[in-house]
Structure formats: structure tokens, C-alpha cells
Amino acid sequence: MRPAIEAFNALSAEDQLILADAIERKFSAGAPIPAFDEVIAEARLWASWASLAELRAYLLASWEALPDLNRSKFLAFADNDRRAAA
């Protein structure tokens, strides 16, 4: 792994960005597909393939799109789910 990091660091900043972008695209799941059956099952399947960057982006976008009442209900659901898992 060390030679790969050294090779990456030897690149210009522009080439580092190009390489990082190519790596991101290689390991990303792409946009979620439309759910035709069970929405939550499709979402979980997509999330299992998604990169961390994709998960963060779609989580934030989804959170911002939720109406305030749904945000409160979601936080209560997530808190109950977390407590049940503990």
C-alpha cells in the first residue's frame, strides 16, 4: 500500500483529483434506481452498494426534503431503534 500512496503523492494536485474522481466512480453505486416493489428493500439494497460519499449525500438530501413533522418522527424512530439494539 505504501508504494501506491507514494505514487499518488508524487502526482500533481490536478492529477490527484482526476485519479481520486476515477476511484470514486469505480466504487460508487450510482443513483438509486426507482423502487417498483418494496421501497425500503430497494433502498437497503442500494445502500449496501453505495460508497460513503453517496450515503452521506443522499442522507443529507433526504433529510432536507423531509417536512419538519416527519423529521421529528424519524428521530424518535431512530432513537427507539438504537435503544432496542443496545
PDB file of N, CA and C in Angstrom:
ATOM      1  N   MET A   1       0.827  -1.195   0.000  1.00  0.00           N
ATOM      2  CA  MET A   1       0.000   0.000   0.000  1.00  0.00           C
ATOM      3  C   MET A   1       0.869   1.257   0.000  1.00  0.00           C
ATOM      4  N   ARG A   2       1.977   1.202   0.686  1.00  0.00           N
ATOM      5  CA  ARG A   2       2.849   2.372   0.778  1.00  0.00           C
ATOM      6  C   ARG A   2       3.318   2.859  -0.594  1.00  0.00           C
ATOM      7  N   PRO A   3       3.749   1.969  -1.511  1.00  0.00           N
ATOM      8  CA  PRO A   3       4.154   2.460  -2.839  1.00  0.00           C
ATOM      9  C   PRO A   3       3.014   3.172  -3.565  1.00  0.00           C
ATOM     10  N   ALA A   4       1.794   2.702  -3.383  1.00  0.00           N
ATOM     11  CA  ALA A   4       0.654   3.354  -4.039  1.00  0.00           C
ATOM     12  C   ALA A   4       0.455   4.762  -3.481  1.00  0.00           C
ATOM     13  N   ILE A   5       0.592   4.912  -2.189  1.00  0.00           N
ATOM     14  CA  ILE A   5       0.436   6.235  -1.570  1.00  0.00           C
ATOM     15  C   ILE A   5       1.559   7.160  -2.020  1.00  0.00           C
ATOM     16  N   GLU A   6       2.776   6.630  -2.077  1.00  0.00           N
ATOM     17  CA  GLU A   6       3.911   7.439  -2.537  1.00  0.00           C
ATOM     18  C   GLU A   6       3.713   7.867  -3.990  1.00  0.00           C
ATOM     19  N   ALA A   7       3.206   6.953  -4.821  1.00  0.00           N
ATOM     20  CA  ALA A   7       2.949   7.287  -6.224  1.00  0.00           C
ATOM     21  C   ALA A   7       1.865   8.351  -6.326  1.00  0.00           C
ATOM     22  N   PHE A   8       0.829   8.219  -5.517  1.00  0.00           N
ATOM     23  CA  PHE A   8      -0.250   9.213  -5.513  1.00  0.00           C
ATOM     24  C   PHE A   8       0.287  10.579  -5.107  1.00  0.00           C
ATOM     25  N   ASN A   9       1.096  10.611  -4.054  1.00  0.00           N
ATOM     26  CA  ASN A   9       1.646  11.877  -3.568  1.00  0.00           C
ATOM     27  C   ASN A   9       2.600  12.515  -4.571  1.00  0.00           C
ATOM     28  N   ALA A  10       3.191  11.717  -5.448  1.00  0.00           N
ATOM     29  CA  ALA A  10       4.107  12.249  -6.465  1.00  0.00           C
ATOM     30  C   ALA A  10       3.361  12.934  -7.610  1.00  0.00           C
ATOM     31  N   LEU A  11       2.062  12.696  -7.718  1.00  0.00           N
ATOM     32  CA  LEU A  11       1.265  13.308  -8.784  1.00  0.00           C
ATOM     33  C   LEU A  11       1.026  14.786  -8.497  1.00  0.00           C
ATOM     34  N   SER A  12       0.745  15.525  -9.545  1.00  0.00           N
ATOM     35  CA  SER A  12       0.342  16.925  -9.363  1.00  0.00           C
ATOM     36  C   SER A  12      -1.030  16.944  -8.695  1.00  0.00           C
ATOM     37  N   ALA A  13      -1.390  18.064  -8.115  1.00  0.00           N
ATOM     38  CA  ALA A  13      -2.693  18.182  -7.455  1.00  0.00           C
ATOM     39  C   ALA A  13      -3.827  17.907  -8.440  1.00  0.00           C
ATOM     40  N   GLU A  14      -3.687  18.384  -9.656  1.00  0.00           N
ATOM     41  CA  GLU A  14      -4.722  18.157 -10.675  1.00  0.00           C
ATOM     42  C   GLU A  14      -4.862  16.667 -10.978  1.00  0.00           C
ATOM     43  N   ASP A  15      -3.716  15.977 -11.144  1.00  0.00           N
ATOM     44  CA  ASP A  15      -3.770  14.542 -11.424  1.00  0.00           C
ATOM     45  C   ASP A  15      -4.296  13.744 -10.227  1.00  0.00           C
ATOM     46  N   GLN A  16      -4.004  14.210  -9.016  1.00  0.00           N
ATOM     47  CA  GLN A  16      -4.559  13.552  -7.821  1.00  0.00           C
ATOM     48  C   GLN A  16      -6.079  13.628  -7.831  1.00  0.00           C
ATOM     49  N   LEU A  17      -6.619  14.787  -8.204  1.00  0.00           N
ATOM     50  CA  LEU A  17      -8.068  14.942  -8.266  1.00  0.00           C
ATOM     51  C   LEU A  17      -8.679  14.053  -9.341  1.00  0.00           C
ATOM     52  N   ILE A  18      -8.023  13.966 -10.483  1.00  0.00           N
ATOM     53  CA  ILE A  18      -8.526  13.110 -11.564  1.00  0.00           C
ATOM     54  C   ILE A  18      -8.542  11.653 -11.116  1.00  0.00           C
ATOM     55  N   LEU A  19      -7.464  11.207 -10.478  1.00  0.00           N
ATOM     56  CA  LEU A  19      -7.388   9.830 -10.011  1.00  0.00           C
ATOM     57  C   LEU A  19      -8.413   9.561  -8.905  1.00  0.00           C
ATOM     58  N   ALA A  20      -8.530  10.478  -7.963  1.00  0.00           N
ATOM     59  CA  ALA A  20      -9.499  10.308  -6.880  1.00  0.00           C
ATOM     60  C   ALA A  20     -10.919  10.227  -7.424  1.00  0.00           C
ATOM     61  N   ASP A  21     -11.225  11.053  -8.424  1.00  0.00           N
ATOM     62  CA  ASP A  21     -12.547  11.021  -9.043  1.00  0.00           C
ATOM     63  C   ASP A  21     -12.791   9.684  -9.737  1.00  0.00           C
ATOM     64  N   ALA A  22     -11.776   9.170 -10.430  1.00  0.00           N
ATOM     65  CA  ALA A  22     -11.914   7.873 -11.117  1.00  0.00           C
ATOM     66  C   ALA A  22     -12.138   6.742 -10.110  1.00  0.00           C
ATOM     67  N   ILE A  23     -11.430   6.792  -9.000  1.00  0.00           N
ATOM     68  CA  ILE A  23     -11.603   5.766  -7.963  1.00  0.00           C
ATOM     69  C   ILE A  23     -13.004   5.857  -7.370  1.00  0.00           C
ATOM     70  N   GLU A  24     -13.450   7.060  -7.101  1.00  0.00           N
ATOM     71  CA  GLU A  24     -14.805   7.259  -6.557  1.00  0.00           C
ATOM     72  C   GLU A  24     -15.853   6.671  -7.493  1.00  0.00           C
ATOM     73  N   ARG A  25     -15.728   6.951  -8.796  1.00  0.00           N
ATOM     74  CA  ARG A  25     -16.691   6.434  -9.773  1.00  0.00           C
ATOM     75  C   ARG A  25     -16.650   4.916  -9.850  1.00  0.00           C
ATOM     76  N   LYS A  26     -15.463   4.336  -9.730  1.00  0.00           N
ATOM     77  CA  LYS A  26     -15.334   2.880  -9.811  1.00  0.00           C
ATOM     78  C   LYS A  26     -16.046   2.185  -8.656  1.00  0.00           C
ATOM     79  N   PHE A  27     -16.000   2.779  -7.484  1.00  0.00           N
ATOM     80  CA  PHE A  27     -16.556   2.133  -6.305  1.00  0.00           C
ATOM     81  C   PHE A  27     -17.899   2.695  -5.868  1.00  0.00           C
ATOM     82  N   SER A  28     -18.525   3.520  -6.683  1.00  0.00           N
ATOM     83  CA  SER A  28     -19.823   4.078  -6.312  1.00  0.00           C
ATOM     84  C   SER A  28     -20.954   3.238  -6.898  1.00  0.00           C
ATOM     85  N   ALA A  29     -22.097   3.319  -6.270  1.00  0.00           N
ATOM     86  CA  ALA A  29     -23.259   2.561  -6.729  1.00  0.00           C
ATOM     87  C   ALA A  29     -24.051   3.312  -7.783  1.00  0.00           C
ATOM     88  N   GLY A  30     -23.798   4.595  -7.925  1.00  0.00           N
ATOM     89  CA  GLY A  30     -24.603   5.400  -8.837  1.00  0.00           C
ATOM     90  C   GLY A  30     -25.918   5.786  -8.178  1.00  0.00           C
ATOM     91  N   ALA A  31     -26.740   6.459  -8.901  1.00  0.00           N
ATOM     92  CA  ALA A  31     -28.018   6.909  -8.343  1.00  0.00           C
ATOM     93  C   ALA A  31     -28.914   5.716  -8.023  1.00  0.00           C
ATOM     94  N   PRO A  32     -29.724   5.844  -6.958  1.00  0.00           N
ATOM     95  CA  PRO A  32     -30.669   4.768  -6.656  1.00  0.00           C
ATOM     96  C   PRO A  32     -31.641   4.563  -7.813  1.00  0.00           C
ATOM     97  N   ILE A  33     -32.016   3.316  -8.046  1.00  0.00           N
ATOM     98  CA  ILE A  33     -32.985   3.021  -9.101  1.00  0.00           C
ATOM     99  C   ILE A  33     -34.394   3.198  -8.549  1.00  0.00           C
ATOM    100  N   PRO A  34     -35.362   3.452  -9.399  1.00  0.00           N
ATOM    101  CA  PRO A  34     -36.742   3.579  -8.912  1.00  0.00           C
ATOM    102  C   PRO A  34     -37.202   2.271  -8.263  1.00  0.00           C
ATOM    103  N   ALA A  35     -37.910   2.399  -7.164  1.00  0.00           N
ATOM    104  CA  ALA A  35     -38.407   1.216  -6.450  1.00  0.00           C
ATOM    105  C   ALA A  35     -39.743   0.801  -7.039  1.00  0.00           C
ATOM    106  N   PHE A  36     -39.828  -0.425  -7.531  1.00  0.00           N
ATOM    107  CA  PHE A  36     -41.064  -0.925  -8.128  1.00  0.00           C
ATOM    108  C   PHE A  36     -41.824  -1.852  -7.189  1.00  0.00           C
ATOM    109  N   ASP A  37     -41.162  -2.313  -6.149  1.00  0.00           N
ATOM    110  CA  ASP A  37     -41.793  -3.271  -5.246  1.00  0.00           C
ATOM    111  C   ASP A  37     -41.773  -2.702  -3.822  1.00  0.00           C
ATOM    112  N   GLU A  38     -40.939  -3.205  -3.009  1.00  0.00           N
ATOM    113  CA  GLU A  38     -40.814  -2.738  -1.632  1.00  0.00           C
ATOM    114  C   GLU A  38     -39.802  -1.599  -1.585  1.00  0.00           C
ATOM    115  N   VAL A  39     -40.237  -0.399  -1.299  1.00  0.00           N
ATOM    116  CA  VAL A  39     -39.361   0.766  -1.325  1.00  0.00           C
ATOM    117  C   VAL A  39     -38.207   0.604  -0.345  1.00  0.00           C
ATOM    118  N   ILE A  40     -38.498   0.179   0.883  1.00  0.00           N
ATOM    119  CA  ILE A  40     -37.434   0.061   1.878  1.00  0.00           C
ATOM    120  C   ILE A  40     -36.431  -1.024   1.488  1.00  0.00           C
ATOM    121  N   ALA A  41     -36.901  -2.106   0.905  1.00  0.00           N
ATOM    122  CA  ALA A  41     -35.990  -3.175   0.472  1.00  0.00           C
ATOM    123  C   ALA A  41     -35.073  -2.676  -0.640  1.00  0.00           C
ATOM    124  N   GLU A  42     -35.633  -1.939  -1.581  1.00  0.00           N
ATOM    125  CA  GLU A  42     -34.822  -1.376  -2.664  1.00  0.00           C
ATOM    126  C   GLU A  42     -33.805  -0.372  -2.108  1.00  0.00           C
ATOM    127  N   ALA A  43     -34.237   0.444  -1.157  1.00  0.00           N
ATOM    128  CA  ALA A  43     -33.338   1.432  -0.561  1.00  0.00           C
ATOM    129  C   ALA A  43     -32.204   0.743   0.187  1.00  0.00           C
ATOM    130  N   ARG A  44     -32.526  -0.300   0.919  1.00  0.00           N
ATOM    131  CA  ARG A  44     -31.482  -1.030   1.657  1.00  0.00           C
ATOM    132  C   ARG A  44     -30.501  -1.705   0.704  1.00  0.00           C
ATOM    133  N   LEU A  45     -30.996  -2.237  -0.387  1.00  0.00           N
ATOM    134  CA  LEU A  45     -30.121  -2.875  -1.361  1.00  0.00           C
ATOM    135  C   LEU A  45     -29.165  -1.846  -1.954  1.00  0.00           C
ATOM    136  N   TRP A  46     -29.718  -0.704  -2.383  1.00  0.00           N
ATOM    137  CA  TRP A  46     -28.863   0.345  -2.933  1.00  0.00           C
ATOM    138  C   TRP A  46     -27.830   0.789  -1.900  1.00  0.00           C
ATOM    139  N   ALA A  47     -28.260   0.984  -0.655  1.00  0.00           N
ATOM    140  CA  ALA A  47     -27.352   1.451   0.397  1.00  0.00           C
ATOM    141  C   ALA A  47     -26.218   0.459   0.648  1.00  0.00           C
ATOM    142  N   SER A  48     -26.481  -0.823   0.438  1.00  0.00           N
ATOM    143  CA  SER A  48     -25.427  -1.821   0.640  1.00  0.00           C
ATOM    144  C   SER A  48     -24.337  -1.707  -0.422  1.00  0.00           C
ATOM    145  N   TRP A  49     -24.649  -1.120  -1.579  1.00  0.00           N
ATOM    146  CA  TRP A  49     -23.680  -0.942  -2.664  1.00  0.00           C
ATOM    147  C   TRP A  49     -23.026   0.433  -2.634  1.00  0.00           C
ATOM    148  N   ALA A  50     -23.671   1.398  -2.008  1.00  0.00           N
ATOM    149  CA  ALA A  50     -23.251   2.798  -2.100  1.00  0.00           C
ATOM    150  C   ALA A  50     -21.941   3.056  -1.368  1.00  0.00           C
ATOM    151  N   SER A  51     -21.210   4.033  -1.884  1.00  0.00           N
ATOM    152  CA  SER A  51     -19.992   4.482  -1.210  1.00  0.00           C
ATOM    153  C   SER A  51     -20.398   5.374  -0.033  1.00  0.00           C
ATOM    154  N   LEU A  52     -19.445   5.625   0.839  1.00  0.00           N
ATOM    155  CA  LEU A  52     -19.719   6.501   1.974  1.00  0.00           C
ATOM    156  C   LEU A  52     -20.142   7.888   1.510  1.00  0.00           C
ATOM    157  N   ALA A  53     -19.488   8.392   0.479  1.00  0.00           N
ATOM    158  CA  ALA A  53     -19.847   9.716  -0.047  1.00  0.00           C
ATOM    159  C   ALA A  53     -21.293   9.730  -0.549  1.00  0.00           C
ATOM    160  N   GLU A  54     -21.716   8.658  -1.230  1.00  0.00           N
ATOM    161  CA  GLU A  54     -23.096   8.581  -1.722  1.00  0.00           C
ATOM    162  C   GLU A  54     -24.076   8.492  -0.556  1.00  0.00           C
ATOM    163  N   LEU A  55     -23.756   7.670   0.427  1.00  0.00           N
ATOM    164  CA  LEU A  55     -24.645   7.547   1.586  1.00  0.00           C
ATOM    165  C   LEU A  55     -24.835   8.893   2.269  1.00  0.00           C
ATOM    166  N   ARG A  56     -23.756   9.606   2.465  1.00  0.00           N
ATOM    167  CA  ARG A  56     -23.838  10.925   3.120  1.00  0.00           C
ATOM    168  C   ARG A  56     -24.656  11.898   2.277  1.00  0.00           C
ATOM    169  N   ALA A  57     -24.415  11.917   0.976  1.00  0.00           N
ATOM    170  CA  ALA A  57     -25.114  12.866   0.098  1.00  0.00           C
ATOM    171  C   ALA A  57     -26.614  12.593   0.072  1.00  0.00           C
ATOM    172  N   TYR A  58     -27.004  11.326  -0.109  1.00  0.00           N
ATOM    173  CA  TYR A  58     -28.431  11.015  -0.174  1.00  0.00           C
ATOM    174  C   TYR A  58     -29.102  11.148   1.193  1.00  0.00           C
ATOM    175  N   LEU A  59     -28.367  10.861   2.266  1.00  0.00           N
ATOM    176  CA  LEU A  59     -28.922  11.056   3.601  1.00  0.00           C
ATOM    177  C   LEU A  59     -29.227  12.530   3.840  1.00  0.00           C
ATOM    178  N   LEU A  60     -28.261  13.379   3.525  1.00  0.00           N
ATOM    179  CA  LEU A  60     -28.470  14.812   3.719  1.00  0.00           C
ATOM    180  C   LEU A  60     -29.602  15.330   2.838  1.00  0.00           C
ATOM    181  N   ALA A  61     -29.606  14.941   1.575  1.00  0.00           N
ATOM    182  CA  ALA A  61     -30.657  15.414   0.666  1.00  0.00           C
ATOM    183  C   ALA A  61     -32.031  14.919   1.112  1.00  0.00           C
ATOM    184  N   SER A  62     -32.099  13.689   1.580  1.00  0.00           N
ATOM    185  CA  SER A  62     -33.373  13.143   2.054  1.00  0.00           C
ATOM    186  C   SER A  62     -33.833  13.866   3.312  1.00  0.00           C
ATOM    187  N   TRP A  63     -32.897  14.092   4.218  1.00  0.00           N
ATOM    188  CA  TRP A  63     -33.228  14.799   5.470  1.00  0.00           C
ATOM    189  C   TRP A  63     -33.762  16.204   5.165  1.00  0.00           C
ATOM    190  N   GLU A  64     -33.089  16.911   4.262  1.00  0.00           N
ATOM    191  CA  GLU A  64     -33.512  18.262   3.915  1.00  0.00           C
ATOM    192  C   GLU A  64     -34.886  18.276   3.247  1.00  0.00           C
ATOM    193  N   ALA A  65     -35.235  17.202   2.560  1.00  0.00           N
ATOM    194  CA  ALA A  65     -36.517  17.139   1.853  1.00  0.00           C
ATOM    195  C   ALA A  65     -37.679  16.767   2.771  1.00  0.00           C
ATOM    196  N   LEU A  66     -37.382  16.227   3.951  1.00  0.00           N
ATOM    197  CA  LEU A  66     -38.455  15.819   4.863  1.00  0.00           C
ATOM    198  C   LEU A  66     -39.133  17.037   5.488  1.00  0.00           C
ATOM    199  N   PRO A  67     -40.442  17.029   5.584  1.00  0.00           N
ATOM    200  CA  PRO A  67     -41.129  18.075   6.349  1.00  0.00           C
ATOM    201  C   PRO A  67     -40.745  17.955   7.830  1.00  0.00           C
ATOM    202  N   ASP A  68     -40.828  19.052   8.564  1.00  0.00           N
ATOM    203  CA  ASP A  68     -40.400  19.065   9.970  1.00  0.00           C
ATOM    204  C   ASP A  68     -41.051  17.971  10.806  1.00  0.00           C
ATOM    205  N   LEU A  69     -42.350  17.739  10.628  1.00  0.00           N
ATOM    206  CA  LEU A  69     -43.033  16.715  11.414  1.00  0.00           C
ATOM    207  C   LEU A  69     -42.428  15.339  11.153  1.00  0.00           C
ATOM    208  N   ASN A  70     -42.118  15.047   9.904  1.00  0.00           N
ATOM    209  CA  ASN A  70     -41.502  13.766   9.571  1.00  0.00           C
ATOM    210  C   ASN A  70     -40.090  13.649  10.143  1.00  0.00           C
ATOM    211  N   ARG A  71     -39.386  14.768  10.222  1.00  0.00           N
ATOM    212  CA  ARG A  71     -38.048  14.747  10.825  1.00  0.00           C
ATOM    213  C   ARG A  71     -38.146  14.328  12.286  1.00  0.00           C
ATOM    214  N   SER A  72     -39.085  14.909  13.005  1.00  0.00           N
ATOM    215  CA  SER A  72     -39.265  14.575  14.419  1.00  0.00           C
ATOM    216  C   SER A  72     -39.635  13.107  14.593  1.00  0.00           C
ATOM    217  N   LYS A  73     -40.545  12.624  13.753  1.00  0.00           N
ATOM    218  CA  LYS A  73     -40.949  11.213  13.829  1.00  0.00           C
ATOM    219  C   LYS A  73     -39.778  10.296  13.493  1.00  0.00           C
ATOM    220  N   PHE A  74     -38.984  10.684  12.506  1.00  0.00           N
ATOM    221  CA  PHE A  74     -37.839   9.865  12.131  1.00  0.00           C
ATOM    222  C   PHE A  74     -36.825   9.809  13.269  1.00  0.00           C
ATOM    223  N   LEU A  75     -36.539  10.939  13.895  1.00  0.00           N
ATOM    224  CA  LEU A  75     -35.588  10.946  15.008  1.00  0.00           C
ATOM    225  C   LEU A  75     -36.078  10.070  16.150  1.00  0.00           C
ATOM    226  N   ALA A  76     -37.371  10.108  16.448  1.00  0.00           N
ATOM    227  CA  ALA A  76     -37.929   9.246  17.500  1.00  0.00           C
ATOM    228  C   ALA A  76     -37.793   7.779  17.105  1.00  0.00           C
ATOM    229  N   PHE A  77     -38.076   7.451  15.846  1.00  0.00           N
ATOM    230  CA  PHE A  77     -37.938   6.077  15.358  1.00  0.00           C
ATOM    231  C   PHE A  77     -36.491   5.609  15.462  1.00  0.00           C
ATOM    232  N   ALA A  78     -35.554   6.448  15.006  1.00  0.00           N
ATOM    233  CA  ALA A  78     -34.134   6.078  15.041  1.00  0.00           C
ATOM    234  C   ALA A  78     -33.653   5.909  16.469  1.00  0.00           C
ATOM    235  N   ASP A  79     -34.127   6.756  17.379  1.00  0.00           N
ATOM    236  CA  ASP A  79     -33.727   6.650  18.790  1.00  0.00           C
ATOM    237  C   ASP A  79     -34.261   5.355  19.402  1.00  0.00           C
ATOM    238  N   ASN A  80     -35.503   5.017  19.100  1.00  0.00           N
ATOM    239  CA  ASN A  80     -36.077   3.758  19.609  1.00  0.00           C
ATOM    240  C   ASN A  80     -35.343   2.561  19.033  1.00  0.00           C
ATOM    241  N   ASP A  81     -34.998   2.620  17.743  1.00  0.00           N
ATOM    242  CA  ASP A  81     -34.282   1.525  17.082  1.00  0.00           C
ATOM    243  C   ASP A  81     -32.895   1.355  17.705  1.00  0.00           C
ATOM    244  N   ARG A  82     -32.226   2.490  17.993  1.00  0.00           N
ATOM    245  CA  ARG A  82     -30.899   2.459  18.603  1.00  0.00           C
ATOM    246  C   ARG A  82     -30.968   1.853  19.999  1.00  0.00           C
ATOM    247  N   ARG A  83     -31.979   2.244  20.765  1.00  0.00           N
ATOM    248  CA  ARG A  83     -32.121   1.716  22.130  1.00  0.00           C
ATOM    249  C   ARG A  83     -32.434   0.229  22.127  1.00  0.00           C
ATOM    250  N   ALA A  84     -33.228  -0.205  21.161  1.00  0.00           N
ATOM    251  CA  ALA A  84     -33.566  -1.616  21.068  1.00  0.00           C
ATOM    252  C   ALA A  84     -32.328  -2.455  20.720  1.00  0.00           C
ATOM    253  N   ALA A  85     -31.433  -1.875  19.936  1.00  0.00           N
ATOM    254  CA  ALA A  85     -30.223  -2.597  19.533  1.00  0.00           C
ATOM    255  C   ALA A  85     -29.195  -2.676  20.662  1.00  0.00           C
ATOM    256  N   ALA A  86     -29.278  -1.763  21.609  1.00  0.00           N
ATOM    257  CA  ALA A  86     -28.290  -1.692  22.713  1.00  0.00           C
ATOM    258  C   ALA A  86     -28.470  -2.783  23.740  1.00  0.00           C
TER     259      ALA A  86
END
